[in-house]
C-alpha atoms as a PDB file:
ATOM      1  CA  MET A   1     -48.080 -64.030 -31.027  1.00  0.00           C
ATOM      2  CA  PRO A   2     -48.035 -65.135 -27.610  1.00  0.00           C
ATOM      3  CA  SER A   3     -44.576 -63.442 -27.428  1.00  0.00           C
ATOM      4  CA  VAL A   4     -46.137 -60.437 -27.492  1.00  0.00           C
ATOM      5  CA  ILE A   5     -49.532 -60.900 -26.068  1.00  0.00           C
ATOM      6  CA  VAL A   6     -49.005 -60.229 -22.330  1.00  0.00           C
ATOM      7  CA  ASP A   7     -52.323 -60.912 -21.284  1.00  0.00           C
ATOM      8  CA  SER A   8     -55.940 -61.609 -22.496  1.00  0.00           C
ATOM      9  CA  ALA A   9     -59.158 -62.399 -20.719  1.00  0.00           C
ATOM     10  CA  ILE A  10     -63.123 -61.832 -21.062  1.00  0.00           C
ATOM     11  CA  TYR A  11     -64.846 -59.692 -18.356  1.00  0.00           C
ATOM     12  CA  ARG A  12     -68.296 -59.781 -17.790  1.00  0.00           C
ATOM     13  CA  ASP A  13     -70.441 -58.036 -15.408  1.00  0.00           C
ATOM     14  CA  GLY A  14     -67.066 -57.046 -14.241  1.00  0.00           C
ATOM     15  CA  ARG A  15     -65.493 -60.231 -13.673  1.00  0.00           C
ATOM     16  CA  ARG A  16     -62.841 -61.924 -15.057  1.00  0.00           C
ATOM     17  CA  ALA A  17     -63.477 -65.150 -17.205  1.00  0.00           C
ATOM     18  CA  GLU A  18     -60.854 -66.828 -19.027  1.00  0.00           C
ATOM     19  CA  CYS A  19     -61.352 -67.178 -22.775  1.00  0.00           C
ATOM     20  CA  ALA A  20     -60.298 -69.064 -25.691  1.00  0.00           C
ATOM     21  CA  ALA A  21     -56.487 -69.106 -26.580  1.00  0.00           C
ATOM     22  CA  ASP A  22     -57.409 -67.809 -29.864  1.00  0.00           C
ATOM     23  CA  PHE A  23     -58.489 -64.120 -29.619  1.00  0.00           C
ATOM     24  CA  SER A  24     -60.512 -64.189 -32.793  1.00  0.00           C
ATOM     25  CA  HIS A  25     -62.499 -66.764 -30.833  1.00  0.00           C
ATOM     26  CA  ALA A  26     -62.615 -64.932 -27.906  1.00  0.00           C
ATOM     27  CA  LEU A  27     -63.614 -61.808 -29.313  1.00  0.00           C
ATOM     28  CA  GLU A  28     -66.695 -63.793 -30.942  1.00  0.00           C
ATOM     29  CA  GLU A  29     -67.414 -64.933 -27.483  1.00  0.00           C
ATOM     30  CA  ALA A  30     -67.637 -61.594 -26.045  1.00  0.00           C
ATOM     31  CA  ARG A  31     -69.718 -60.101 -28.602  1.00  0.00           C
ATOM     32  CA  ALA A  32     -72.094 -63.142 -28.516  1.00  0.00           C
ATOM     33  CA  LYS A  33     -72.669 -62.707 -24.593  1.00  0.00           C
ATOM     34  CA  GLY A  34     -73.499 -59.027 -25.339  1.00  0.00           C
ATOM     35  CA  ASP A  35     -72.380 -57.689 -21.817  1.00  0.00           C
ATOM     36  CA  ALA A  36     -69.015 -58.750 -21.991  1.00  0.00           C
ATOM     37  CA  PHE A  37     -65.821 -57.372 -23.470  1.00  0.00           C
ATOM     38  CA  LEU A  38     -61.983 -58.649 -24.434  1.00  0.00           C
ATOM     39  CA  TRP A  39     -59.037 -56.956 -22.918  1.00  0.00           C
ATOM     40  CA  LEU A  40     -55.970 -58.014 -25.306  1.00  0.00           C
ATOM     41  CA  GLY A  41     -52.674 -56.635 -23.940  1.00  0.00           C
ATOM     42  CA  MET A  42     -49.496 -56.581 -26.282  1.00  0.00           C
ATOM     43  CA  HIS A  43     -46.187 -55.406 -25.956  1.00  0.00           C
ATOM     44  CA  GLU A  44     -43.988 -54.127 -29.059  1.00  0.00           C
ATOM     45  CA  PRO A  45     -45.685 -55.980 -31.886  1.00  0.00           C
ATOM     46  CA  THR A  46     -44.151 -56.225 -35.483  1.00  0.00           C
ATOM     47  CA  GLU A  47     -46.309 -55.205 -38.492  1.00  0.00           C
ATOM     48  CA  GLU A  48     -46.753 -58.742 -39.195  1.00  0.00           C
ATOM     49  CA  GLU A  49     -47.837 -59.795 -35.758  1.00  0.00           C
ATOM     50  CA  PHE A  50     -50.414 -57.431 -35.510  1.00  0.00           C
ATOM     51  CA  ALA A  51     -51.675 -57.541 -38.962  1.00  0.00           C
ATOM     52  CA  LEU A  52     -54.433 -60.507 -37.838  1.00  0.00           C
ATOM     53  CA  VAL A  53     -55.300 -58.368 -34.391  1.00  0.00           C
ATOM     54  CA  SER A  54     -56.166 -55.039 -36.860  1.00  0.00           C
ATOM     55  CA  SER A  55     -58.256 -57.390 -39.307  1.00  0.00           C
ATOM     56  CA  GLU A  56     -60.320 -59.416 -36.733  1.00  0.00           C
ATOM     57  CA  PHE A  57     -60.879 -56.253 -34.389  1.00  0.00           C
ATOM     58  CA  GLY A  58     -61.588 -53.680 -37.384  1.00  0.00           C
ATOM     59  CA  LEU A  59     -59.029 -51.395 -36.556  1.00  0.00           C
ATOM     60  CA  HIS A  60     -58.391 -48.213 -38.725  1.00  0.00           C
ATOM     61  CA  PRO A  61     -55.322 -48.303 -40.606  1.00  0.00           C
ATOM     62  CA  LEU A  62     -54.005 -45.126 -39.477  1.00  0.00           C
ATOM     63  CA  ALA A  63     -54.350 -45.845 -35.813  1.00  0.00           C
ATOM     64  CA  VAL A  64     -52.579 -49.153 -36.632  1.00  0.00           C
ATOM     65  CA  GLU A  65     -49.710 -47.307 -38.319  1.00  0.00           C
ATOM     66  CA  ASP A  66     -49.440 -44.899 -35.063  1.00  0.00           C
ATOM     67  CA  ALA A  67     -49.568 -47.930 -33.119  1.00  0.00           C
ATOM     68  CA  LEU A  68     -46.761 -49.487 -34.986  1.00  0.00           C
ATOM     69  CA  LYS A  69     -44.631 -46.604 -35.326  1.00  0.00           C
ATOM     70  CA  ALA A  70     -44.896 -45.036 -32.407  1.00  0.00           C
ATOM     71  CA  HIS A  71     -43.588 -41.741 -31.583  1.00  0.00           C
ATOM     72  CA  GLN A  72     -46.739 -40.136 -31.352  1.00  0.00           C
ATOM     73  CA  ARG A  73     -47.904 -37.089 -29.273  1.00  0.00           C
ATOM     74  CA  PRO A  74     -50.583 -37.763 -26.709  1.00  0.00           C
ATOM     75  CA  LYS A  75     -54.023 -37.805 -28.265  1.00  0.00           C
ATOM     76  CA  LEU A  76     -57.552 -39.110 -29.067  1.00  0.00           C
ATOM     77  CA  GLU A  77     -59.053 -40.070 -32.360  1.00  0.00           C
ATOM     78  CA  VAL A  78     -62.611 -41.289 -33.213  1.00  0.00           C
ATOM     79  CA  PHE A  79     -63.235 -43.822 -35.750  1.00  0.00           C
ATOM     80  CA  ASP A  80     -66.280 -45.526 -36.944  1.00  0.00           C
ATOM     81  CA  ASP A  81     -65.809 -48.916 -34.970  1.00  0.00           C
ATOM     82  CA  SER A  82     -63.008 -47.480 -32.588  1.00  0.00           C
ATOM     83  CA  VAL A  83     -61.802 -45.390 -30.372  1.00  0.00           C
ATOM     84  CA  PHE A  84     -58.222 -44.937 -30.351  1.00  0.00           C
ATOM     85  CA  MET A  85     -56.145 -43.089 -27.805  1.00  0.00           C
ATOM     86  CA  VAL A  86     -52.196 -42.680 -27.303  1.00  0.00           C
ATOM     87  CA  LEU A  87     -50.694 -41.828 -23.890  1.00  0.00           C
ATOM     88  CA  LYS A  88     -46.794 -41.379 -22.951  1.00  0.00           C
ATOM     89  CA  PRO A  89     -46.119 -42.915 -19.210  1.00  0.00           C
ATOM     90  CA  VAL A  90     -42.679 -41.629 -17.945  1.00  0.00           C
ATOM     91  CA  THR A  91     -40.104 -43.141 -15.709  1.00  0.00           C
ATOM     92  CA  TYR A  92     -37.861 -41.389 -13.489  1.00  0.00           C
ATOM     93  CA  ASP A  93     -34.189 -42.836 -12.842  1.00  0.00           C
ATOM     94  CA  ASP A  94     -33.344 -41.449  -9.754  1.00  0.00           C
ATOM     95  CA  GLU A  95     -29.430 -42.436 -10.331  1.00  0.00           C
ATOM     96  CA  ALA A  96     -29.037 -40.584 -13.556  1.00  0.00           C
ATOM     97  CA  ASP A  97     -31.762 -37.956 -12.689  1.00  0.00           C
ATOM     98  CA  THR A  98     -33.170 -38.687 -16.565  1.00  0.00           C
ATOM     99  CA  VAL A  99     -36.645 -38.900 -17.497  1.00  0.00           C
ATOM    100  CA  THR A 100     -37.829 -41.274 -19.934  1.00  0.00           C
ATOM    101  CA  ALA A 101     -40.986 -41.578 -21.710  1.00  0.00           C
ATOM    102  CA  SER A 102     -42.408 -44.684 -23.492  1.00  0.00           C
ATOM    103  CA  GLU A 103     -45.734 -44.966 -25.485  1.00  0.00           C
ATOM    104  CA  LEU A 104     -49.019 -46.813 -24.546  1.00  0.00           C
ATOM    105  CA  MET A 105     -51.954 -47.055 -27.289  1.00  0.00           C
ATOM    106  CA  VAL A 106     -55.429 -48.043 -26.300  1.00  0.00           C
ATOM    107  CA  PHE A 107     -57.899 -49.056 -28.720  1.00  0.00           C
ATOM    108  CA  VAL A 108     -61.620 -48.730 -27.442  1.00  0.00           C
ATOM    109  CA  GLY A 109     -64.531 -50.665 -29.604  1.00  0.00           C
ATOM    110  CA  GLU A 110     -67.713 -52.355 -29.056  1.00  0.00           C
ATOM    111  CA  ALA A 111     -67.035 -55.353 -26.820  1.00  0.00           C
ATOM    112  CA  PHE A 112     -63.269 -55.092 -26.860  1.00  0.00           C
ATOM    113  CA  VAL A 113     -60.011 -53.109 -25.599  1.00  0.00           C
ATOM    114  CA  VAL A 114     -56.607 -53.832 -27.034  1.00  0.00           C
ATOM    115  CA  THR A 115     -53.691 -51.566 -25.150  1.00  0.00           C
ATOM    116  CA  VAL A 116     -50.357 -51.941 -27.104  1.00  0.00           C
ATOM    117  CA  ARG A 117     -47.259 -50.896 -25.303  1.00  0.00           C
ATOM    118  CA  HIS A 118     -43.694 -49.653 -26.393  1.00  0.00           C
ATOM    119  CA  GLY A 119     -41.147 -49.127 -23.989  1.00  0.00           C
ATOM    120  CA  GLU A 120     -40.844 -50.470 -20.275  1.00  0.00           C
ATOM    121  CA  ALA A 121     -42.434 -47.664 -18.706  1.00  0.00           C
ATOM    122  CA  SER A 122     -45.978 -48.154 -16.755  1.00  0.00           C
ATOM    123  CA  PRO A 123     -46.508 -52.208 -17.161  1.00  0.00           C
ATOM    124  CA  LEU A 124     -50.565 -52.450 -17.015  1.00  0.00           C
ATOM    125  CA  ALA A 125     -50.793 -55.670 -15.271  1.00  0.00           C
ATOM    126  CA  ALA A 126     -50.880 -53.644 -11.935  1.00  0.00           C
ATOM    127  CA  VAL A 127     -53.668 -51.756 -13.563  1.00  0.00           C
ATOM    128  CA  ARG A 128     -55.493 -54.929 -14.730  1.00  0.00           C
ATOM    129  CA  ARG A 129     -55.174 -56.330 -10.917  1.00  0.00           C
ATOM    130  CA  ARG A 130     -56.301 -53.555  -9.449  1.00  0.00           C
ATOM    131  CA  LEU A 131     -59.463 -53.110 -12.011  1.00  0.00           C
ATOM    132  CA  GLU A 132     -60.017 -56.900 -10.846  1.00  0.00           C
ATOM    133  CA  GLU A 133     -60.375 -56.045  -7.374  1.00  0.00           C
ATOM    134  CA  HIS A 134     -63.160 -53.315  -8.277  1.00  0.00           C
ATOM    135  CA  PRO A 135     -66.005 -55.218 -10.557  1.00  0.00           C
ATOM    136  CA  GLU A 136     -68.443 -52.242 -10.109  1.00  0.00           C
ATOM    137  CA  ILE A 137     -65.977 -50.212 -12.274  1.00  0.00           C
ATOM    138  CA  LEU A 138     -65.360 -52.959 -15.018  1.00  0.00           C
ATOM    139  CA  ARG A 139     -68.956 -53.735 -15.375  1.00  0.00           C
ATOM    140  CA  HIS A 140     -68.978 -49.934 -17.163  1.00  0.00           C
ATOM    141  CA  GLY A 141     -67.488 -51.752 -20.272  1.00  0.00           C
ATOM    142  CA  PRO A 142     -64.478 -51.006 -22.276  1.00  0.00           C
ATOM    143  CA  GLY A 143     -64.670 -47.421 -20.868  1.00  0.00           C
ATOM    144  CA  ALA A 144     -63.737 -48.225 -17.889  1.00  0.00           C
ATOM    145  CA  VAL A 145     -60.415 -49.820 -18.916  1.00  0.00           C
ATOM    146  CA  LEU A 146     -59.265 -46.388 -20.430  1.00  0.00           C
ATOM    147  CA  TYR A 147     -59.992 -44.472 -17.381  1.00  0.00           C
ATOM    148  CA  ALA A 148     -57.758 -46.877 -15.317  1.00  0.00           C
ATOM    149  CA  VAL A 149     -54.931 -46.613 -17.694  1.00  0.00           C
ATOM    150  CA  SER A 150     -55.251 -43.043 -17.885  1.00  0.00           C
ATOM    151  CA  ASP A 151     -55.767 -42.651 -14.301  1.00  0.00           C
ATOM    152  CA  ALA A 152     -52.594 -44.791 -13.619  1.00  0.00           C
ATOM    153  CA  VAL A 153     -50.629 -42.951 -16.217  1.00  0.00           C
ATOM    154  CA  VAL A 154     -51.622 -39.326 -14.909  1.00  0.00           C
ATOM    155  CA  ASP A 155     -51.025 -40.533 -11.447  1.00  0.00           C
ATOM    156  CA  HIS A 156     -47.356 -41.255 -12.164  1.00  0.00           C
ATOM    157  CA  TYR A 157     -46.971 -38.174 -13.720  1.00  0.00           C
ATOM    158  CA  ILE A 158     -47.647 -36.221 -10.487  1.00  0.00           C
ATOM    159  CA  GLU A 159     -45.027 -39.014  -8.517  1.00  0.00           C
ATOM    160  CA  VAL A 160     -42.309 -37.932 -11.182  1.00  0.00           C
ATOM    161  CA  ALA A 161     -43.220 -34.059 -10.753  1.00  0.00           C
ATOM    162  CA  GLY A 162     -42.580 -34.812  -7.147  1.00  0.00           C
ATOM    163  CA  GLU A 163     -39.237 -36.306  -7.567  1.00  0.00           C
ATOM    164  CA  LEU A 164     -37.931 -33.538  -9.953  1.00  0.00           C
ATOM    165  CA  GLN A 165     -39.260 -30.874  -7.466  1.00  0.00           C
ATOM    166  CA  LEU A 166     -36.749 -32.586  -4.900  1.00  0.00           C
ATOM    167  CA  ASP A 167     -34.100 -32.366  -7.181  1.00  0.00           C
ATOM    168  CA  LEU A 168     -34.753 -28.654  -8.231  1.00  0.00           C
ATOM    169  CA  GLU A 169     -34.685 -27.747  -4.711  1.00  0.00           C
ATOM    170  CA  GLU A 170     -31.070 -29.332  -4.398  1.00  0.00           C
ATOM    171  CA  LEU A 171     -29.958 -27.868  -7.677  1.00  0.00           C
ATOM    172  CA  GLU A 172     -31.630 -24.231  -6.182  1.00  0.00           C
ATOM    173  CA  ALA A 173     -29.666 -24.949  -3.085  1.00  0.00           C
ATOM    174  CA  GLU A 174     -26.425 -25.257  -4.680  1.00  0.00           C
ATOM    175  CA  VAL A 175     -26.736 -22.387  -6.978  1.00  0.00           C
ATOM    176  CA  PHE A 176     -27.610 -19.946  -4.290  1.00  0.00           C
ATOM    177  CA  ALA A 177     -24.883 -21.500  -1.770  1.00  0.00           C
ATOM    178  CA  PRO A 178     -22.683 -18.796  -0.045  1.00  0.00           C
ATOM    179  CA  VAL A 179     -19.533 -21.168  -0.788  1.00  0.00           C
ATOM    180  CA  ARG A 180     -19.408 -22.844  -4.072  1.00  0.00           C
ATOM    181  CA  GLY A 181     -17.359 -25.714  -4.314  1.00  0.00           C
ATOM    182  CA  ARG A 182     -18.114 -26.693  -7.942  1.00  0.00           C
ATOM    183  CA  ASP A 183     -17.131 -25.342 -11.533  1.00  0.00           C
ATOM    184  CA  THR A 184     -19.598 -22.686 -12.678  1.00  0.00           C
ATOM    185  CA  LYS A 185     -19.379 -24.244 -15.864  1.00  0.00           C
ATOM    186  CA  ASN A 186     -20.931 -27.865 -14.645  1.00  0.00           C
ATOM    187  CA  THR A 187     -23.742 -25.918 -12.872  1.00  0.00           C
ATOM    188  CA  ALA A 188     -24.935 -24.425 -16.217  1.00  0.00           C
ATOM    189  CA  ALA A 189     -24.861 -27.692 -17.993  1.00  0.00           C
ATOM    190  CA  GLU A 190     -26.528 -29.078 -15.249  1.00  0.00           C
ATOM    191  CA  ILE A 191     -29.732 -26.531 -15.540  1.00  0.00           C
ATOM    192  CA  TYR A 192     -29.443 -26.852 -19.290  1.00  0.00           C
ATOM    193  CA  ALA A 193     -29.432 -30.905 -18.694  1.00  0.00           C
ATOM    194  CA  PHE A 194     -32.496 -30.206 -16.250  1.00  0.00           C
ATOM    195  CA  LYS A 195     -34.635 -27.958 -18.455  1.00  0.00           C
ATOM    196  CA  ARG A 196     -34.149 -30.844 -21.153  1.00  0.00           C
ATOM    197  CA  GLU A 197     -35.811 -33.311 -18.660  1.00  0.00           C
ATOM    198  CA  VAL A 198     -38.771 -30.974 -18.079  1.00  0.00           C
ATOM    199  CA  LEU A 199     -39.352 -30.306 -21.804  1.00  0.00           C
ATOM    200  CA  GLU A 200     -39.307 -34.094 -22.357  1.00  0.00           C
ATOM    201  CA  PHE A 201     -42.202 -34.728 -19.353  1.00  0.00           C
ATOM    202  CA  ARG A 202     -44.144 -31.453 -20.574  1.00  0.00           C
ATOM    203  CA  ARG A 203     -44.453 -33.265 -24.332  1.00  0.00           C
ATOM    204  CA  ALA A 204     -46.087 -36.099 -22.403  1.00  0.00           C
ATOM    205  CA  THR A 205     -48.213 -34.171 -20.057  1.00  0.00           C
ATOM    206  CA  GLY A 206     -49.190 -30.991 -22.132  1.00  0.00           C
ATOM    207  CA  PRO A 207     -50.913 -32.581 -24.960  1.00  0.00           C
ATOM    208  CA  LEU A 208     -52.780 -34.941 -22.844  1.00  0.00           C
ATOM    209  CA  ALA A 209     -55.425 -32.030 -21.965  1.00  0.00           C
ATOM    210  CA  GLU A 210     -57.392 -31.964 -24.780  1.00  0.00           C
ATOM    211  CA  PRO A 211     -58.131 -35.569 -24.973  1.00  0.00           C
ATOM    212  CA  MET A 212     -58.902 -35.545 -21.314  1.00  0.00           C
ATOM    213  CA  THR A 213     -61.272 -32.800 -21.856  1.00  0.00           C
ATOM    214  CA  ARG A 214     -63.122 -34.674 -24.674  1.00  0.00           C
ATOM    215  CA  LEU A 215     -63.401 -37.666 -22.821  1.00  0.00           C
ATOM    216  CA  GLN A 216     -65.614 -35.684 -19.938  1.00  0.00           C
ATOM    217  CA  ASN A 217     -67.813 -34.805 -22.714  1.00  0.00           C
ATOM    218  CA  PRO A 218     -70.620 -36.557 -24.562  1.00  0.00           C
ATOM    219  CA  GLY A 219     -69.683 -37.923 -28.281  1.00  0.00           C
ATOM    220  CA  VAL A 220     -67.069 -39.840 -27.618  1.00  0.00           C
ATOM    221  CA  PRO A 221     -68.440 -43.481 -28.223  1.00  0.00           C
ATOM    222  CA  PHE A 222     -67.734 -46.810 -26.233  1.00  0.00           C
ATOM    223  CA  VAL A 223     -67.660 -44.390 -23.247  1.00  0.00           C
ATOM    224  CA  HIS A 224     -70.184 -44.965 -20.943  1.00  0.00           C
ATOM    225  CA  ASP A 225     -72.041 -41.765 -19.535  1.00  0.00           C
ATOM    226  CA  HIS A 226     -70.858 -43.009 -15.668  1.00  0.00           C
ATOM    227  CA  ALA A 227     -67.609 -43.027 -16.691  1.00  0.00           C
ATOM    228  CA  ARG A 228     -67.585 -39.496 -17.532  1.00  0.00           C
ATOM    229  CA  PRO A 229     -67.291 -38.156 -14.255  1.00  0.00           C
ATOM    230  CA  PHE A 230     -64.341 -40.104 -13.715  1.00  0.00           C
ATOM    231  CA  PHE A 231     -62.398 -39.092 -16.446  1.00  0.00           C
ATOM    232  CA  ARG A 232     -63.129 -35.408 -14.869  1.00  0.00           C
ATOM    233  CA  ASP A 233     -61.247 -36.579 -11.748  1.00  0.00           C
ATOM    234  CA  VAL A 234     -57.927 -37.746 -14.157  1.00  0.00           C
ATOM    235  CA  ASP A 235     -58.282 -34.220 -15.910  1.00  0.00           C
ATOM    236  CA  ASP A 236     -58.041 -32.456 -12.545  1.00  0.00           C
ATOM    237  CA  HIS A 237     -54.778 -34.830 -11.645  1.00  0.00           C
ATOM    238  CA  LEU A 238     -53.417 -34.005 -15.018  1.00  0.00           C
ATOM    239  CA  THR A 239     -53.940 -30.312 -14.328  1.00  0.00           C
ATOM    240  CA  ARG A 240     -52.211 -30.558 -10.865  1.00  0.00           C
ATOM    241  CA  ALA A 241     -49.095 -32.171 -13.093  1.00  0.00           C
ATOM    242  CA  ASN A 242     -48.998 -29.436 -15.773  1.00  0.00           C
ATOM    243  CA  GLU A 243     -48.849 -27.143 -13.322  1.00  0.00           C
ATOM    244  CA  SER A 244     -46.078 -28.601 -11.274  1.00  0.00           C
ATOM    245  CA  VAL A 245     -44.597 -28.829 -14.831  1.00  0.00           C
ATOM    246  CA  GLU A 246     -44.944 -25.043 -15.859  1.00  0.00           C
ATOM    247  CA  GLY A 247     -43.912 -23.836 -12.146  1.00  0.00           C
ATOM    248  CA  LEU A 248     -40.662 -26.647 -12.689  1.00  0.00           C
ATOM    249  CA  ASP A 249     -40.040 -24.754 -16.275  1.00  0.00           C
ATOM    250  CA  ARG A 250     -40.159 -21.228 -14.717  1.00  0.00           C
ATOM    251  CA  LEU A 251     -37.890 -21.972 -11.649  1.00  0.00           C
ATOM    252  CA  LEU A 252     -35.563 -23.541 -13.815  1.00  0.00           C
ATOM    253  CA  SER A 253     -35.354 -20.425 -16.029  1.00  0.00           C
ATOM    254  CA  ASP A 254     -35.399 -18.148 -12.977  1.00  0.00           C
ATOM    255  CA  ILE A 255     -32.348 -20.244 -11.730  1.00  0.00           C
ATOM    256  CA  LEU A 256     -30.635 -20.003 -14.922  1.00  0.00           C
ATOM    257  CA  ALA A 257     -30.951 -16.337 -14.814  1.00  0.00           C
ATOM    258  CA  ALA A 258     -29.721 -15.705 -11.262  1.00  0.00           C
ATOM    259  CA  HIS A 259     -26.718 -18.320 -11.747  1.00  0.00           C
ATOM    260  CA  LEU A 260     -25.916 -16.237 -15.119  1.00  0.00           C
ATOM    261  CA  ALA A 261     -26.433 -13.005 -12.892  1.00  0.00           C
ATOM    262  CA  GLN A 262     -23.804 -14.519 -10.552  1.00  0.00           C
ATOM    263  CA  MET A 263     -21.211 -15.400 -13.335  1.00  0.00           C
ATOM    264  CA  GLY A 264     -21.237 -11.572 -14.118  1.00  0.00           C
ATOM    265  CA  VAL A 265     -21.179 -10.430 -10.339  1.00  0.00           C
ATOM    266  CA  ARG A 266     -18.079 -12.829  -9.954  1.00  0.00           C
ATOM    267  CA  GLN A 267     -16.414 -11.401 -12.802  1.00  0.00           C
ATOM    268  CA  ASN A 268     -16.814  -8.217 -11.886  1.00  0.00           C
ATOM    269  CA  ASP A 269     -15.207  -8.787  -8.488  1.00  0.00           C
ATOM    270  CA  ASP A 270     -12.497 -10.886 -10.252  1.00  0.00           C
ATOM    271  CA  MET A 271     -11.719  -7.787 -12.539  1.00  0.00           C
ATOM    272  CA  ARG A 272     -11.889  -5.198  -9.526  1.00  0.00           C
ATOM    273  CA  LYS A 273      -9.316  -7.594  -7.384  1.00  0.00           C
ATOM    274  CA  ILE A 274      -7.254  -7.665 -10.733  1.00  0.00           C
ATOM    275  CA  SER A 275      -7.512  -4.029 -10.990  1.00  0.00           C
ATOM    276  CA  ALA A 276      -6.292  -3.196  -7.099  1.00  0.00           C
ATOM    277  CA  TRP A 277      -3.758  -5.730  -7.296  1.00  0.00           C
ATOM    278  CA  ALA A 278      -2.545  -3.985 -10.781  1.00  0.00           C
ATOM    279  CA  ALA A 279      -2.746  -0.429  -9.219  1.00  0.00           C
ATOM    280  CA  LEU A 280      -0.557  -1.892  -6.004  1.00  0.00           C
ATOM    281  CA  ALA A 281       2.176  -3.064  -8.530  1.00  0.00           C
ATOM    282  CA  ALA A 282       1.923   0.126 -10.673  1.00  0.00           C
ATOM    283  CA  VAL A 283       3.107   2.393  -7.924  1.00  0.00           C
ATOM    284  CA  PRO A 284       6.751   0.853  -7.123  1.00  0.00           C
ATOM    285  CA  THR A 285       6.867   0.104 -10.848  1.00  0.00           C
ATOM    286  CA  LEU A 286       6.261   3.831 -11.891  1.00  0.00           C
ATOM    287  CA  ILE A 287       8.816   5.141  -9.135  1.00  0.00           C
ATOM    288  CA  ALA A 288      11.477   2.866 -10.212  1.00  0.00           C
ATOM    289  CA  GLY A 289      10.990   3.208 -13.739  1.00  0.00           C
ATOM    290  CA  ILE A 290      11.472   7.464 -12.985  1.00  0.00           C
ATOM    291  CA  TYR A 291      14.509   6.935 -11.148  1.00  0.00           C
ATOM    292  CA  GLY A 292      15.892   4.166 -13.267  1.00  0.00           C
ATOM    293  CA  MET A 293      16.298   6.781 -16.211  1.00  0.00           C
ATOM    294  CA  ASN A 294      19.661   7.594 -17.208  1.00  0.00           C
ATOM    295  CA  PHE A 295      19.958  11.437 -16.479  1.00  0.00           C
ATOM    296  CA  ASP A 296      23.097  13.083 -14.839  1.00  0.00           C
ATOM    297  CA  TYR A 297      20.848  15.664 -12.998  1.00  0.00           C
ATOM    298  CA  MET A 298      17.920  14.347 -11.274  1.00  0.00           C
ATOM    299  CA  PRO A 299      16.560  14.796  -7.576  1.00  0.00           C
ATOM    300  CA  GLU A 300      17.991  13.232  -4.399  1.00  0.00           C
ATOM    301  CA  LEU A 301      20.690  11.651  -6.508  1.00  0.00           C
ATOM    302  CA  LYS A 302      23.560  12.646  -4.106  1.00  0.00           C
ATOM    303  CA  TRP A 303      21.606  12.297  -1.060  1.00  0.00           C
ATOM    304  CA  HIS A 304      22.402   9.575   1.225  1.00  0.00           C
ATOM    305  CA  LEU A 305      19.111   8.763   2.635  1.00  0.00           C
ATOM    306  CA  GLY A 306      17.056   8.906  -0.690  1.00  0.00           C
ATOM    307  CA  TYR A 307      17.090   5.168  -1.296  1.00  0.00           C
ATOM    308  CA  PRO A 308      15.924   4.392   1.931  1.00  0.00           C
ATOM    309  CA  ALA A 309      13.366   7.274   1.824  1.00  0.00           C
ATOM    310  CA  ILE A 310      11.983   6.325  -1.668  1.00  0.00           C
ATOM    311  CA  LEU A 311      11.542   2.744  -0.019  1.00  0.00           C
ATOM    312  CA  LEU A 312       9.332   4.116   2.804  1.00  0.00           C
ATOM    313  CA  VAL A 313       7.487   6.274   0.443  1.00  0.00           C
ATOM    314  CA  MET A 314       6.751   3.068  -1.390  1.00  0.00           C
ATOM    315  CA  VAL A 315       5.796   1.077   1.601  1.00  0.00           C
ATOM    316  CA  ILE A 316       3.584   4.147   2.643  1.00  0.00           C
ATOM    317  CA  ILE A 317       1.676   4.348  -0.319  1.00  0.00           C
ATOM    318  CA  GLU A 318       0.935   0.860  -0.935  1.00  0.00           C
ATOM    319  CA  VAL A 319      -0.095   0.169   2.716  1.00  0.00           C
ATOM    320  CA  SER A 320      -2.573   3.214   2.049  1.00  0.00           C
ATOM    321  CA  LEU A 321      -4.046   1.855  -1.236  1.00  0.00           C
ATOM    322  CA  TYR A 322      -4.060  -1.700   0.200  1.00  0.00           C
ATOM    323  CA  ARG A 323      -6.298  -0.466   3.321  1.00  0.00           C
ATOM    324  CA  LEU A 324      -8.370   1.939   0.515  1.00  0.00           C
ATOM    325  CA  PHE A 325      -9.068  -1.315  -1.676  1.00  0.00           C
ATOM    326  CA  LYS A 326      -9.622  -3.466   1.541  1.00  0.00           C
ATOM    327  CA  ARG A 327     -12.206  -1.134   2.472  1.00  0.00           C
ATOM    328  CA  ARG A 328     -14.241  -0.689  -0.490  1.00  0.00           C
ATOM    329  CA  GLY A 329     -14.175  -4.990  -0.639  1.00  0.00           C
ATOM    330  CA  TRP A 330     -11.951  -4.862  -3.715  1.00  0.00           C
ATOM    331  CA  LEU A 331      -9.531  -7.179  -2.156  1.00  0.00           C
END
């Protein structure tokens, strides 16, 4: 168990107090004090390691199953003895230009908070330290922890959206550059890959809107009434993040459409150039083909100046066609 328990502490009147190593005794101590709660943080516990926690805290079996298996969408579920919330923190790798989502489960009940992390994104140590510096928030009980965790996750959404916006601007400049140095196939693949990253981000932010709306309204147990305005602030930030994601997705679709249109225009330009060069090659071929026929009686066959005259006619026609195609932008 020590390998999966990241931190464990009792908070009374907003202040941290060390608790017993055995979390069962720590929970009894928190409940005995009446105005305290236990915050137990865990990282990727196994079924056997989490079994004792779920039994001691009275966690619902369905929520326990979700917490162990992970791969859940953001949601909020209310049970008789606890509230279960799933969050999906995201991280952005600037070098690989990839968005990676992990999972964070929060159990809130009478005098306890249990957080279960899957993945390396959004460690809660910084959230815990920041809360401990503001005891006036921690005084609101377990609901304050749920707010702080949600706020940290959503604020990071906005940061990731800003990073993606910068990448999108670079991609947009590349697609609409007057002189392109990269293969169009690579650009199309890059746009599709970017859309997949935005979709991964969208799966984390979109479903969280409904739980945030519920937390603002009465009816969710173990969340103090004074904490609800804080959840409204989190919901405002989440709305900004969702709007950013929607804007990114729309712009990517527009950039992809513009890129495909550019490819069509370039293909048309290439076909016009090919047609122009084919026309230039067809004229001398036609004349030479006519005079290459094996007939005895053909015009100008006995004329001494016939050969240079035909060459001159070819040159005049070729130059005229070249200037015509050049003026119309075909060459």
